[in-house]
Amino acid sequence: MELSIFNILDILGTIAFAISGALAAMDRRLDLFGIFIVAFVTASGGGTLRDILIGDTPVNWMQNTVYIYVIGVVTVLAIVFRNKINYLKKSLFLFDTIGLGVFTITGVEIGIRNGLDPIISIALGAMTGTFGGVLRDILCNEIPVIFRKEIYATACIVGGLVFVVMHSLGANLDVIYISTSIIVIGIRLIVVKFHISLPYYYISEKS
């Protein structure tokens, strides 16, 4: 694998989401097999959907097995050091946020590389960033974060928009990758800290 900022961020996102999935599975008291499955699906789900949508098959983790080894090693480490990891306040949220920010940007970049319209590239980035977490929550019998009132996919869209604008202005790619990843992560951290959310609606019961 070529050592570039893009690939480093992709591996970082894989690690973050694998830990996120493993922690969620352990919180649900799944067995060893279940932990590995949830960790793998969380780390690879968004990229798999992205590759299928753009027709890049076999998907990335099938062509480059380093991702499988990374997910496996990280999951084992998460299990071994589960108590130390869980000692970190809201560790699941932290790792999910890192994965969200990094995978959003890699998704947008791959969309642009494939000559897709900027809007489609942004949507592809949002799918790449959120789909692994959606699968994780479904497997753990939770309502996915993206469907709740939390600002989740919106952070991806904002980061994707900034990416497209900076790219059109000819900014350095490495600067774009890092700065837009930080934007997505920063938005998630800020909205959760200050309890900022999207409006939600429900049907009231008739008296």
N, C-alpha and C. Protein backbone atom coordinates (compact mmCIF):
# COMPACT_ATOMS: atom_id res chain seq x y z
N MET A 1 0.84 -1.20 0.00
CA MET A 1 0.00 0.00 0.00
C MET A 1 0.88 1.25 0.00
N GLU A 2 0.54 2.20 -0.89
CA GLU A 2 1.30 3.45 -0.96
C GLU A 2 1.09 4.26 0.31
N LEU A 3 2.19 4.79 0.84
CA LEU A 3 2.11 5.59 2.06
C LEU A 3 1.80 7.04 1.69
N SER A 4 0.55 7.42 1.81
CA SER A 4 0.10 8.77 1.50
C SER A 4 -0.85 9.23 2.60
N ILE A 5 -1.10 10.53 2.65
CA ILE A 5 -2.03 11.05 3.65
C ILE A 5 -3.41 10.42 3.48
N PHE A 6 -3.84 10.25 2.24
CA PHE A 6 -5.15 9.65 1.97
C PHE A 6 -5.24 8.24 2.56
N ASN A 7 -4.22 7.40 2.27
CA ASN A 7 -4.24 6.03 2.76
C ASN A 7 -4.08 5.96 4.28
N ILE A 8 -3.28 6.87 4.83
CA ILE A 8 -3.11 6.91 6.28
C ILE A 8 -4.44 7.25 6.96
N LEU A 9 -5.16 8.23 6.41
CA LEU A 9 -6.46 8.60 6.95
C LEU A 9 -7.46 7.46 6.81
N ASP A 10 -7.38 6.74 5.69
CA ASP A 10 -8.28 5.61 5.47
C ASP A 10 -8.06 4.52 6.51
N ILE A 11 -6.79 4.24 6.80
CA ILE A 11 -6.46 3.25 7.82
C ILE A 11 -6.90 3.75 9.21
N LEU A 12 -6.69 5.04 9.46
CA LEU A 12 -7.10 5.63 10.74
C LEU A 12 -8.60 5.50 10.94
N GLY A 13 -9.37 5.77 9.89
CA GLY A 13 -10.81 5.62 9.97
C GLY A 13 -11.22 4.18 10.22
N THR A 14 -10.53 3.26 9.57
CA THR A 14 -10.79 1.83 9.76
C THR A 14 -10.55 1.43 11.21
N ILE A 15 -9.44 1.90 11.78
CA ILE A 15 -9.11 1.60 13.17
C ILE A 15 -10.16 2.18 14.11
N ALA A 16 -10.53 3.44 13.89
CA ALA A 16 -11.51 4.10 14.76
C ALA A 16 -12.85 3.39 14.74
N PHE A 17 -13.33 3.04 13.55
CA PHE A 17 -14.63 2.39 13.45
C PHE A 17 -14.59 0.95 13.97
N ALA A 18 -13.45 0.27 13.80
CA ALA A 18 -13.32 -1.09 14.33
C ALA A 18 -13.42 -1.06 15.86
N ILE A 19 -12.75 -0.10 16.48
CA ILE A 19 -12.84 0.04 17.94
C ILE A 19 -14.27 0.39 18.36
N SER A 20 -14.89 1.29 17.60
CA SER A 20 -16.27 1.68 17.88
C SER A 20 -17.19 0.48 17.84
N GLY A 21 -17.04 -0.35 16.80
CA GLY A 21 -17.88 -1.53 16.67
C GLY A 21 -17.63 -2.54 17.76
N ALA A 22 -16.36 -2.75 18.10
CA ALA A 22 -16.01 -3.71 19.15
C ALA A 22 -16.58 -3.26 20.50
N LEU A 23 -16.47 -1.98 20.81
CA LEU A 23 -17.00 -1.46 22.07
C LEU A 23 -18.52 -1.61 22.14
N ALA A 24 -19.18 -1.31 21.02
CA ALA A 24 -20.64 -1.44 21.00
C ALA A 24 -21.06 -2.89 21.19
N ALA A 25 -20.34 -3.81 20.56
CA ALA A 25 -20.65 -5.24 20.69
C ALA A 25 -20.42 -5.74 22.11
N MET A 26 -19.32 -5.29 22.73
CA MET A 26 -19.04 -5.71 24.11
C MET A 26 -20.06 -5.12 25.07
N ASP A 27 -20.51 -3.90 24.78
CA ASP A 27 -21.53 -3.28 25.62
C ASP A 27 -22.84 -4.08 25.58
N ARG A 28 -23.08 -4.73 24.44
CA ARG A 28 -24.26 -5.57 24.27
C ARG A 28 -24.01 -7.01 24.72
N ARG A 29 -22.82 -7.27 25.25
CA ARG A 29 -22.43 -8.58 25.76
C ARG A 29 -22.50 -9.67 24.69
N LEU A 30 -22.06 -9.34 23.48
CA LEU A 30 -21.99 -10.34 22.42
C LEU A 30 -20.80 -11.26 22.65
N ASP A 31 -20.83 -12.45 22.04
CA ASP A 31 -19.70 -13.36 22.20
C ASP A 31 -18.55 -12.93 21.30
N LEU A 32 -17.45 -13.67 21.34
CA LEU A 32 -16.24 -13.29 20.60
C LEU A 32 -16.51 -13.15 19.11
N PHE A 33 -17.23 -14.11 18.54
CA PHE A 33 -17.56 -14.05 17.12
C PHE A 33 -18.38 -12.81 16.80
N GLY A 34 -19.37 -12.52 17.64
CA GLY A 34 -20.21 -11.35 17.44
C GLY A 34 -19.43 -10.05 17.49
N ILE A 35 -18.45 -9.98 18.40
CA ILE A 35 -17.61 -8.78 18.50
C ILE A 35 -16.83 -8.55 17.22
N PHE A 36 -16.24 -9.62 16.68
CA PHE A 36 -15.47 -9.49 15.45
C PHE A 36 -16.36 -9.10 14.27
N ILE A 37 -17.55 -9.69 14.20
CA ILE A 37 -18.46 -9.38 13.09
C ILE A 37 -18.89 -7.91 13.14
N VAL A 38 -19.29 -7.44 14.31
CA VAL A 38 -19.74 -6.06 14.44
C VAL A 38 -18.60 -5.08 14.16
N ALA A 39 -17.41 -5.40 14.67
CA ALA A 39 -16.25 -4.55 14.42
C ALA A 39 -15.93 -4.49 12.92
N PHE A 40 -15.97 -5.65 12.27
CA PHE A 40 -15.65 -5.71 10.84
C PHE A 40 -16.68 -4.95 10.00
N VAL A 41 -17.95 -5.17 10.30
CA VAL A 41 -19.02 -4.52 9.55
C VAL A 41 -18.98 -3.00 9.75
N THR A 42 -18.70 -2.57 10.97
CA THR A 42 -18.62 -1.13 11.25
C THR A 42 -17.47 -0.49 10.49
N ALA A 43 -16.33 -1.17 10.46
CA ALA A 43 -15.14 -0.61 9.83
C ALA A 43 -15.18 -0.67 8.31
N SER A 44 -15.89 -1.64 7.75
CA SER A 44 -15.85 -1.84 6.30
C SER A 44 -17.17 -1.52 5.60
N GLY A 45 -18.25 -1.36 6.36
CA GLY A 45 -19.57 -1.19 5.76
C GLY A 45 -19.69 0.01 4.83
N GLY A 46 -19.22 1.18 5.29
CA GLY A 46 -19.32 2.38 4.46
C GLY A 46 -18.51 2.28 3.18
N GLY A 47 -17.29 1.78 3.30
CA GLY A 47 -16.43 1.64 2.12
C GLY A 47 -16.98 0.62 1.14
N THR A 48 -17.59 -0.45 1.68
CA THR A 48 -18.18 -1.48 0.82
C THR A 48 -19.34 -0.91 0.01
N LEU A 49 -20.23 -0.17 0.68
CA LEU A 49 -21.35 0.47 -0.02
C LEU A 49 -20.84 1.43 -1.08
N ARG A 50 -19.84 2.23 -0.74
CA ARG A 50 -19.25 3.19 -1.69
C ARG A 50 -18.73 2.48 -2.93
N ASP A 51 -17.95 1.43 -2.74
CA ASP A 51 -17.34 0.73 -3.87
C ASP A 51 -18.40 0.07 -4.75
N ILE A 52 -19.44 -0.49 -4.14
CA ILE A 52 -20.51 -1.11 -4.92
C ILE A 52 -21.24 -0.07 -5.75
N LEU A 53 -21.51 1.10 -5.16
CA LEU A 53 -22.24 2.16 -5.87
C LEU A 53 -21.47 2.69 -7.07
N ILE A 54 -20.15 2.76 -6.98
CA ILE A 54 -19.37 3.27 -8.11
C ILE A 54 -18.87 2.16 -9.01
N GLY A 55 -19.24 0.91 -8.70
CA GLY A 55 -18.87 -0.21 -9.55
C GLY A 55 -17.43 -0.66 -9.41
N ASP A 56 -16.81 -0.34 -8.28
CA ASP A 56 -15.42 -0.73 -8.04
C ASP A 56 -15.41 -2.06 -7.29
N THR A 57 -15.52 -3.15 -8.04
CA THR A 57 -15.54 -4.47 -7.42
C THR A 57 -14.43 -5.36 -8.01
N PRO A 58 -13.91 -6.32 -7.22
CA PRO A 58 -14.22 -6.58 -5.82
C PRO A 58 -13.92 -5.34 -4.96
N VAL A 59 -14.66 -5.20 -3.87
CA VAL A 59 -14.54 -4.01 -3.03
C VAL A 59 -13.16 -3.93 -2.41
N ASN A 60 -12.84 -2.78 -1.86
CA ASN A 60 -11.47 -2.46 -1.42
C ASN A 60 -10.86 -3.49 -0.48
N TRP A 61 -11.62 -3.91 0.55
CA TRP A 61 -11.03 -4.82 1.54
C TRP A 61 -10.80 -6.22 0.96
N MET A 62 -11.46 -6.54 -0.15
CA MET A 62 -11.20 -7.82 -0.82
C MET A 62 -9.94 -7.76 -1.67
N GLN A 63 -9.66 -6.57 -2.19
CA GLN A 63 -8.46 -6.40 -3.01
C GLN A 63 -7.22 -6.13 -2.16
N ASN A 64 -7.41 -5.48 -1.03
CA ASN A 64 -6.29 -5.11 -0.17
C ASN A 64 -6.54 -5.70 1.22
N THR A 65 -5.99 -6.88 1.47
CA THR A 65 -6.28 -7.59 2.71
C THR A 65 -5.66 -6.95 3.95
N VAL A 66 -4.85 -5.92 3.78
CA VAL A 66 -4.28 -5.24 4.94
C VAL A 66 -5.39 -4.71 5.84
N TYR A 67 -6.53 -4.34 5.24
CA TYR A 67 -7.66 -3.83 6.04
C TYR A 67 -8.23 -4.92 6.94
N ILE A 68 -8.29 -6.15 6.44
CA ILE A 68 -8.79 -7.26 7.25
C ILE A 68 -7.88 -7.50 8.44
N TYR A 69 -6.55 -7.47 8.18
CA TYR A 69 -5.60 -7.68 9.28
C TYR A 69 -5.66 -6.55 10.29
N VAL A 70 -5.80 -5.33 9.81
CA VAL A 70 -5.89 -4.17 10.71
C VAL A 70 -7.12 -4.29 11.61
N ILE A 71 -8.26 -4.62 11.01
CA ILE A 71 -9.49 -4.77 11.79
C ILE A 71 -9.35 -5.89 12.81
N GLY A 72 -8.75 -7.01 12.40
CA GLY A 72 -8.57 -8.13 13.30
C GLY A 72 -7.69 -7.79 14.49
N VAL A 73 -6.55 -7.16 14.21
CA VAL A 73 -5.61 -6.80 15.28
C VAL A 73 -6.23 -5.77 16.22
N VAL A 74 -6.86 -4.77 15.65
CA VAL A 74 -7.47 -3.70 16.46
C VAL A 74 -8.59 -4.27 17.35
N THR A 75 -9.37 -5.19 16.82
CA THR A 75 -10.44 -5.80 17.60
C THR A 75 -9.89 -6.59 18.77
N VAL A 76 -8.83 -7.35 18.52
CA VAL A 76 -8.19 -8.10 19.61
C VAL A 76 -7.68 -7.14 20.68
N LEU A 77 -7.03 -6.06 20.27
CA LEU A 77 -6.51 -5.08 21.22
C LEU A 77 -7.65 -4.42 22.00
N ALA A 78 -8.76 -4.16 21.31
CA ALA A 78 -9.91 -3.55 21.99
C ALA A 78 -10.47 -4.49 23.06
N ILE A 79 -10.47 -5.78 22.76
CA ILE A 79 -10.95 -6.76 23.73
C ILE A 79 -10.00 -6.85 24.92
N VAL A 80 -8.71 -6.94 24.62
CA VAL A 80 -7.70 -7.08 25.68
C VAL A 80 -7.69 -5.87 26.60
N PHE A 81 -7.77 -4.68 26.00
CA PHE A 81 -7.67 -3.45 26.78
C PHE A 81 -9.04 -2.79 26.96
N ARG A 82 -10.10 -3.59 26.96
CA ARG A 82 -11.46 -3.05 27.00
C ARG A 82 -11.71 -2.16 28.22
N ASN A 83 -11.17 -2.55 29.36
CA ASN A 83 -11.41 -1.76 30.58
C ASN A 83 -10.70 -0.42 30.52
N LYS A 84 -9.50 -0.41 29.96
CA LYS A 84 -8.75 0.85 29.85
C LYS A 84 -9.40 1.77 28.82
N ILE A 85 -9.87 1.19 27.72
CA ILE A 85 -10.52 1.99 26.69
C ILE A 85 -11.82 2.57 27.22
N ASN A 86 -12.59 1.74 27.90
CA ASN A 86 -13.88 2.19 28.43
C ASN A 86 -13.72 3.20 29.55
N TYR A 87 -12.50 3.28 30.10
CA TYR A 87 -12.25 4.27 31.14
C TYR A 87 -12.33 5.68 30.56
N LEU A 88 -12.04 5.80 29.26
CA LEU A 88 -12.14 7.09 28.61
C LEU A 88 -13.61 7.49 28.51
N LYS A 89 -13.91 8.70 28.91
CA LYS A 89 -15.30 9.16 28.91
C LYS A 89 -15.86 9.19 27.48
N LYS A 90 -16.98 8.54 27.31
CA LYS A 90 -17.66 8.50 26.02
C LYS A 90 -16.72 8.03 24.91
N SER A 91 -15.99 6.95 25.15
CA SER A 91 -15.01 6.47 24.18
C SER A 91 -15.67 6.01 22.88
N LEU A 92 -16.84 5.39 23.00
CA LEU A 92 -17.54 4.94 21.80
C LEU A 92 -17.86 6.13 20.90
N PHE A 93 -18.36 7.22 21.50
CA PHE A 93 -18.65 8.43 20.74
C PHE A 93 -17.39 9.00 20.09
N LEU A 94 -16.29 8.99 20.83
CA LEU A 94 -15.04 9.55 20.32
C LEU A 94 -14.56 8.80 19.08
N PHE A 95 -14.49 7.47 19.16
CA PHE A 95 -14.00 6.68 18.03
C PHE A 95 -14.96 6.74 16.85
N ASP A 96 -16.25 6.77 17.14
CA ASP A 96 -17.24 6.90 16.06
C ASP A 96 -17.09 8.23 15.34
N THR A 97 -16.82 9.28 16.10
CA THR A 97 -16.65 10.62 15.52
C THR A 97 -15.42 10.69 14.63
N ILE A 98 -14.32 10.10 15.08
CA ILE A 98 -13.10 10.08 14.28
C ILE A 98 -13.33 9.32 12.97
N GLY A 99 -13.95 8.15 13.07
CA GLY A 99 -14.24 7.37 11.87
C GLY A 99 -15.15 8.11 10.92
N LEU A 100 -16.16 8.79 11.48
CA LEU A 100 -17.10 9.55 10.66
C LEU A 100 -16.37 10.63 9.86
N GLY A 101 -15.52 11.40 10.54
CA GLY A 101 -14.82 12.49 9.89
C GLY A 101 -13.88 12.02 8.80
N VAL A 102 -13.12 10.98 9.08
CA VAL A 102 -12.12 10.49 8.12
C VAL A 102 -12.78 9.81 6.92
N PHE A 103 -13.75 8.94 7.17
CA PHE A 103 -14.37 8.21 6.07
C PHE A 103 -15.21 9.10 5.18
N THR A 104 -15.77 10.17 5.73
CA THR A 104 -16.51 11.11 4.90
C THR A 104 -15.61 11.70 3.83
N ILE A 105 -14.43 12.09 4.23
CA ILE A 105 -13.50 12.75 3.30
C ILE A 105 -12.97 11.77 2.26
N THR A 106 -12.66 10.55 2.68
CA THR A 106 -12.18 9.57 1.69
C THR A 106 -13.28 9.25 0.68
N GLY A 107 -14.53 9.23 1.14
CA GLY A 107 -15.63 8.98 0.21
C GLY A 107 -15.80 10.09 -0.81
N VAL A 108 -15.71 11.34 -0.35
CA VAL A 108 -15.81 12.48 -1.27
C VAL A 108 -14.68 12.45 -2.28
N GLU A 109 -13.48 12.18 -1.82
CA GLU A 109 -12.31 12.15 -2.70
C GLU A 109 -12.45 11.08 -3.77
N ILE A 110 -12.91 9.90 -3.40
CA ILE A 110 -13.07 8.82 -4.37
C ILE A 110 -14.15 9.17 -5.39
N GLY A 111 -15.20 9.85 -4.93
CA GLY A 111 -16.23 10.31 -5.86
C GLY A 111 -15.66 11.28 -6.89
N ILE A 112 -14.84 12.23 -6.43
CA ILE A 112 -14.23 13.20 -7.34
C ILE A 112 -13.27 12.50 -8.29
N ARG A 113 -12.48 11.54 -7.78
CA ARG A 113 -11.55 10.79 -8.63
C ARG A 113 -12.27 10.06 -9.76
N ASN A 114 -13.50 9.64 -9.50
CA ASN A 114 -14.27 8.90 -10.49
C ASN A 114 -15.11 9.81 -11.38
N GLY A 115 -14.86 11.12 -11.28
CA GLY A 115 -15.52 12.07 -12.16
C GLY A 115 -16.99 12.30 -11.87
N LEU A 116 -17.42 12.03 -10.65
CA LEU A 116 -18.83 12.23 -10.30
C LEU A 116 -19.12 13.70 -10.03
N ASP A 117 -20.36 14.08 -10.18
CA ASP A 117 -20.79 15.44 -9.89
C ASP A 117 -20.49 15.76 -8.42
N PRO A 118 -20.11 17.00 -8.11
CA PRO A 118 -19.80 17.36 -6.72
C PRO A 118 -20.88 16.98 -5.71
N ILE A 119 -22.15 17.17 -6.07
CA ILE A 119 -23.25 16.82 -5.16
C ILE A 119 -23.25 15.31 -4.89
N ILE A 120 -23.04 14.52 -5.94
CA ILE A 120 -23.01 13.07 -5.78
C ILE A 120 -21.79 12.66 -4.95
N SER A 121 -20.67 13.35 -5.15
CA SER A 121 -19.46 13.04 -4.37
C SER A 121 -19.68 13.32 -2.88
N ILE A 122 -20.39 14.41 -2.58
CA ILE A 122 -20.70 14.73 -1.18
C ILE A 122 -21.62 13.66 -0.59
N ALA A 123 -22.63 13.25 -1.36
CA ALA A 123 -23.53 12.20 -0.89
C ALA A 123 -22.77 10.89 -0.68
N LEU A 124 -21.84 10.60 -1.58
CA LEU A 124 -21.03 9.38 -1.46
C LEU A 124 -20.18 9.44 -0.20
N GLY A 125 -19.65 10.62 0.11
CA GLY A 125 -18.87 10.80 1.33
C GLY A 125 -19.72 10.59 2.57
N ALA A 126 -20.94 11.12 2.55
CA ALA A 126 -21.84 10.96 3.71
C ALA A 126 -22.19 9.49 3.91
N MET A 127 -22.44 8.77 2.81
CA MET A 127 -22.74 7.34 2.91
C MET A 127 -21.54 6.56 3.44
N THR A 128 -20.37 6.89 2.95
CA THR A 128 -19.15 6.21 3.41
C THR A 128 -18.94 6.43 4.90
N GLY A 129 -19.20 7.65 5.34
CA GLY A 129 -18.97 7.97 6.75
C GLY A 129 -19.99 7.40 7.70
N THR A 130 -21.24 7.24 7.23
CA THR A 130 -22.33 6.89 8.16
C THR A 130 -22.78 5.43 8.09
N PHE A 131 -22.58 4.76 6.97
CA PHE A 131 -23.21 3.46 6.78
C PHE A 131 -22.67 2.39 7.72
N GLY A 132 -21.37 2.43 8.01
CA GLY A 132 -20.81 1.47 8.96
C GLY A 132 -21.46 1.60 10.33
N GLY A 133 -21.66 2.84 10.77
CA GLY A 133 -22.31 3.08 12.05
C GLY A 133 -23.77 2.65 12.05
N VAL A 134 -24.43 2.81 10.91
CA VAL A 134 -25.82 2.36 10.79
C VAL A 134 -25.90 0.85 10.97
N LEU A 135 -25.02 0.12 10.29
CA LEU A 135 -25.00 -1.34 10.40
C LEU A 135 -24.66 -1.77 11.84
N ARG A 136 -23.71 -1.08 12.45
CA ARG A 136 -23.34 -1.39 13.84
C ARG A 136 -24.54 -1.26 14.77
N ASP A 137 -25.26 -0.16 14.65
CA ASP A 137 -26.39 0.08 15.53
C ASP A 137 -27.52 -0.92 15.29
N ILE A 138 -27.75 -1.27 14.02
CA ILE A 138 -28.79 -2.24 13.70
C ILE A 138 -28.44 -3.61 14.30
N LEU A 139 -27.19 -4.03 14.13
CA LEU A 139 -26.76 -5.32 14.67
C LEU A 139 -26.81 -5.35 16.19
N CYS A 140 -26.63 -4.17 16.80
CA CYS A 140 -26.68 -4.08 18.27
C CYS A 140 -28.06 -3.69 18.78
N ASN A 141 -29.05 -3.77 17.86
CA ASN A 141 -30.45 -3.51 18.23
C ASN A 141 -30.67 -2.10 18.77
N GLU A 142 -30.03 -1.13 18.10
CA GLU A 142 -30.19 0.28 18.46
C GLU A 142 -30.76 1.04 17.26
N ILE A 143 -31.49 2.11 17.52
CA ILE A 143 -31.89 2.99 16.42
C ILE A 143 -30.64 3.74 15.96
N PRO A 144 -30.26 3.63 14.67
CA PRO A 144 -29.04 4.28 14.20
C PRO A 144 -29.01 5.77 14.51
N VAL A 145 -27.83 6.25 14.86
CA VAL A 145 -27.66 7.67 15.22
C VAL A 145 -28.15 8.58 14.10
N ILE A 146 -27.93 8.17 12.85
CA ILE A 146 -28.28 9.01 11.71
C ILE A 146 -29.79 9.28 11.64
N PHE A 147 -30.60 8.40 12.25
CA PHE A 147 -32.05 8.55 12.22
C PHE A 147 -32.59 9.26 13.44
N ARG A 148 -31.72 9.62 14.35
CA ARG A 148 -32.16 10.35 15.53
C ARG A 148 -32.01 11.85 15.27
N LYS A 149 -32.29 12.66 16.29
CA LYS A 149 -32.24 14.11 16.09
C LYS A 149 -30.82 14.67 16.13
N GLU A 150 -29.83 13.82 16.44
CA GLU A 150 -28.45 14.30 16.52
C GLU A 150 -27.95 14.76 15.15
N ILE A 151 -27.06 15.75 15.14
CA ILE A 151 -26.44 16.21 13.90
C ILE A 151 -25.30 15.26 13.58
N TYR A 152 -25.53 14.40 12.60
CA TYR A 152 -24.60 13.33 12.25
C TYR A 152 -24.26 13.40 10.76
N ALA A 153 -25.22 13.04 9.92
CA ALA A 153 -25.00 13.13 8.48
C ALA A 153 -24.80 14.59 8.05
N THR A 154 -25.44 15.52 8.77
CA THR A 154 -25.28 16.95 8.45
C THR A 154 -23.83 17.38 8.56
N ALA A 155 -23.12 16.85 9.55
CA ALA A 155 -21.69 17.16 9.70
C ALA A 155 -20.91 16.66 8.50
N CYS A 156 -21.29 15.48 7.99
CA CYS A 156 -20.64 14.93 6.81
C CYS A 156 -20.86 15.83 5.59
N ILE A 157 -22.09 16.30 5.45
CA ILE A 157 -22.43 17.15 4.30
C ILE A 157 -21.65 18.46 4.34
N VAL A 158 -21.56 19.06 5.52
CA VAL A 158 -20.81 20.31 5.66
C VAL A 158 -19.34 20.08 5.31
N GLY A 159 -18.75 19.02 5.86
CA GLY A 159 -17.36 18.70 5.54
C GLY A 159 -17.16 18.43 4.07
N GLY A 160 -18.13 17.72 3.46
CA GLY A 160 -18.05 17.43 2.03
C GLY A 160 -18.12 18.69 1.18
N LEU A 161 -18.98 19.62 1.58
CA LEU A 161 -19.09 20.90 0.86
C LEU A 161 -17.78 21.68 0.91
N VAL A 162 -17.18 21.73 2.09
CA VAL A 162 -15.89 22.43 2.25
C VAL A 162 -14.83 21.75 1.38
N PHE A 163 -14.85 20.42 1.36
CA PHE A 163 -13.89 19.66 0.55
C PHE A 163 -14.01 20.06 -0.92
N VAL A 164 -15.26 20.04 -1.43
CA VAL A 164 -15.49 20.34 -2.85
C VAL A 164 -15.06 21.77 -3.18
N VAL A 165 -15.37 22.72 -2.31
CA VAL A 165 -15.00 24.12 -2.55
C VAL A 165 -13.48 24.27 -2.58
N MET A 166 -12.80 23.70 -1.58
CA MET A 166 -11.34 23.79 -1.52
C MET A 166 -10.69 23.11 -2.72
N HIS A 167 -11.27 21.98 -3.13
CA HIS A 167 -10.74 21.25 -4.29
C HIS A 167 -10.89 22.08 -5.56
N SER A 168 -12.05 22.73 -5.71
CA SER A 168 -12.28 23.56 -6.90
C SER A 168 -11.37 24.77 -6.94
N LEU A 169 -10.92 25.21 -5.76
CA LEU A 169 -10.02 26.36 -5.69
C LEU A 169 -8.56 25.95 -5.85
N GLY A 170 -8.32 24.65 -5.99
CA GLY A 170 -6.96 24.15 -6.24
C GLY A 170 -6.09 24.06 -5.01
N ALA A 171 -6.70 23.93 -3.84
CA ALA A 171 -5.91 23.80 -2.61
C ALA A 171 -5.14 22.48 -2.60
N ASN A 172 -4.08 22.44 -1.82
CA ASN A 172 -3.27 21.23 -1.67
C ASN A 172 -4.14 20.10 -1.12
N LEU A 173 -4.05 18.92 -1.75
CA LEU A 173 -4.91 17.81 -1.36
C LEU A 173 -4.71 17.38 0.09
N ASP A 174 -3.45 17.32 0.53
CA ASP A 174 -3.20 16.90 1.91
C ASP A 174 -3.82 17.87 2.90
N VAL A 175 -3.75 19.15 2.57
CA VAL A 175 -4.38 20.18 3.42
C VAL A 175 -5.89 19.99 3.44
N ILE A 176 -6.47 19.68 2.27
CA ILE A 176 -7.91 19.45 2.18
C ILE A 176 -8.32 18.27 3.04
N TYR A 177 -7.59 17.16 2.90
CA TYR A 177 -7.92 15.94 3.66
C TYR A 177 -7.95 16.21 5.16
N ILE A 178 -6.89 16.81 5.65
CA ILE A 178 -6.75 17.00 7.09
C ILE A 178 -7.74 18.04 7.62
N SER A 179 -7.85 19.18 6.92
CA SER A 179 -8.71 20.26 7.41
C SER A 179 -10.18 19.87 7.38
N THR A 180 -10.63 19.20 6.32
CA THR A 180 -12.04 18.84 6.25
C THR A 180 -12.39 17.70 7.21
N SER A 181 -11.45 16.81 7.45
CA SER A 181 -11.68 15.77 8.46
C SER A 181 -11.87 16.41 9.83
N ILE A 182 -11.02 17.39 10.12
CA ILE A 182 -11.12 18.10 11.40
C ILE A 182 -12.44 18.85 11.51
N ILE A 183 -12.92 19.40 10.39
CA ILE A 183 -14.20 20.12 10.40
C ILE A 183 -15.34 19.20 10.79
N VAL A 184 -15.40 18.02 10.16
CA VAL A 184 -16.48 17.06 10.48
C VAL A 184 -16.41 16.63 11.94
N ILE A 185 -15.19 16.28 12.38
CA ILE A 185 -15.00 15.86 13.77
C ILE A 185 -15.36 16.99 14.73
N GLY A 186 -14.92 18.21 14.38
CA GLY A 186 -15.19 19.38 15.23
C GLY A 186 -16.67 19.67 15.36
N ILE A 187 -17.40 19.56 14.25
CA ILE A 187 -18.84 19.81 14.29
C ILE A 187 -19.53 18.82 15.23
N ARG A 188 -19.15 17.53 15.10
CA ARG A 188 -19.77 16.51 15.96
C ARG A 188 -19.48 16.78 17.44
N LEU A 189 -18.25 17.13 17.74
CA LEU A 189 -17.88 17.39 19.12
C LEU A 189 -18.64 18.59 19.68
N ILE A 190 -18.76 19.64 18.88
CA ILE A 190 -19.41 20.87 19.33
C ILE A 190 -20.90 20.66 19.55
N VAL A 191 -21.57 20.02 18.58
CA VAL A 191 -23.03 19.87 18.70
C VAL A 191 -23.42 18.96 19.87
N VAL A 192 -22.57 17.96 20.15
CA VAL A 192 -22.87 17.08 21.28
C VAL A 192 -22.60 17.80 22.60
N LYS A 193 -21.50 18.53 22.63
CA LYS A 193 -21.14 19.24 23.86
C LYS A 193 -22.21 20.27 24.25
N PHE A 194 -22.73 20.99 23.24
CA PHE A 194 -23.70 22.04 23.52
C PHE A 194 -25.14 21.61 23.25
N HIS A 195 -25.34 20.32 23.05
CA HIS A 195 -26.68 19.74 22.89
C HIS A 195 -27.45 20.40 21.75
N ILE A 196 -26.77 20.62 20.63
CA ILE A 196 -27.41 21.18 19.44
C ILE A 196 -27.95 20.02 18.61
N SER A 197 -29.19 20.12 18.19
CA SER A 197 -29.78 19.02 17.42
C SER A 197 -30.73 19.56 16.36
N LEU A 198 -31.07 18.68 15.42
CA LEU A 198 -32.05 19.02 14.40
C LEU A 198 -33.45 18.93 15.00
N PRO A 199 -34.41 19.67 14.45
CA PRO A 199 -35.79 19.55 14.95
C PRO A 199 -36.35 18.17 14.62
N TYR A 200 -37.21 17.68 15.46
CA TYR A 200 -37.85 16.39 15.20
C TYR A 200 -39.35 16.53 15.41
N TYR A 201 -40.07 15.63 14.78
CA TYR A 201 -41.53 15.74 14.78
C TYR A 201 -42.15 14.40 15.14
N TYR A 202 -43.33 14.46 15.73
CA TYR A 202 -44.03 13.25 16.08
C TYR A 202 -45.52 13.50 16.00
N ILE A 203 -46.26 12.43 15.92
CA ILE A 203 -47.72 12.54 15.86
C ILE A 203 -48.25 12.43 17.28
N SER A 204 -48.90 13.47 17.71
CA SER A 204 -49.43 13.48 19.09
C SER A 204 -50.65 12.57 19.20
N GLU A 205 -50.82 12.01 20.37
CA GLU A 205 -51.96 11.16 20.62
C GLU A 205 -53.22 12.01 20.76
N LYS A 206 -54.28 11.53 20.15
CA LYS A 206 -55.54 12.27 20.25
C LYS A 206 -56.20 11.97 21.59
N SER A 207 -56.70 13.01 22.20
CA SER A 207 -57.34 12.82 23.52
C SER A 207 -58.76 12.28 23.36
